């Protein structure tokens, strides 16, 4: 009976294995790299040799030696594998190009306490949109938006500007926090759950000195107007530092509730009431998204991001 010849095109997947044998110098080593058994690889090569009707290599103690047919097939395999890699690279580039990238400027505190959970949800809804965050102070963010370095900025009480369109997202306020309940502080006032303004003046005040209730009023100016002298104000540049110091019983932290409530859960900080303040929280302020008014900047991806941001509290 005449034996049916096997077509090479039916066994293209074996070309890679053949190439790996040539590169590694032995069937044993190639089988290890491909992560299959030596016996399975040997059977695969016998099938390939049958397909080309020629011996591809001679096995010896030092490994394998290519036959003339093997050399021809190896040159073909190098071109084939190179072409496959080029196709995969092009497809990957196409996949990346299909993604839409948005650059967003934001305050450092919002990058820490707002964006992580929001981005997780947004990615599930819009996997085609990649958001890159850059943090900075309000003047840097506003300038970046004007220069089109950002598609959108997320800030507290944003700067008004003729080119800006502002979308209020949610309101937040400040509150006083002290160390964890289990912490035994050396200062007796830190053991109390309610303080007077006079008592508060005797304790270190921990907050970000650059924090603002609005663009025209800082937290420290507001506290001075409320009757605090701030003689013991720690001049910190982040709320994170205030949290860490307060969690070790080193003073009273003044934090936005978005941040403070996270610190209650993570570090066990306690909310503190102050006699003389009409409310437990103070300094109500808005977190807003801002884009340029020009229509070309209000692209569909930006609309998707804005729509998600403006519905977070609905």
Foldseek 3Di string as FASTA:
>chain_A
DDDDAAALVVLLVLLVLLLLQVVVQALCVSCVVVVHDSVVNVVSQVSNCSNVVHDQWDQDPRHTGGDPVVVVSNVVSVVVVVVVVVVVVVVVVVLLVQAAEFEEEEAPVCVVQPPPVLVVVLCVVCVSYHYDYDYDDQVVRVVCQVVVVGLKYKYWQHDDDPFKDKAFADKWFKAKKAAAQPADAPDPVSNDQEEELVSQLVAAEEEAQPDALHPVGHPVNVVVVLPHPNPRYDHDRHLVVSLVCRNNGRGMYMDICSVVVVSCVPRVIDTHHYPSDPDRTDSMITIMMMHTPDPVSCDPVVVSVVVSRNPVPD
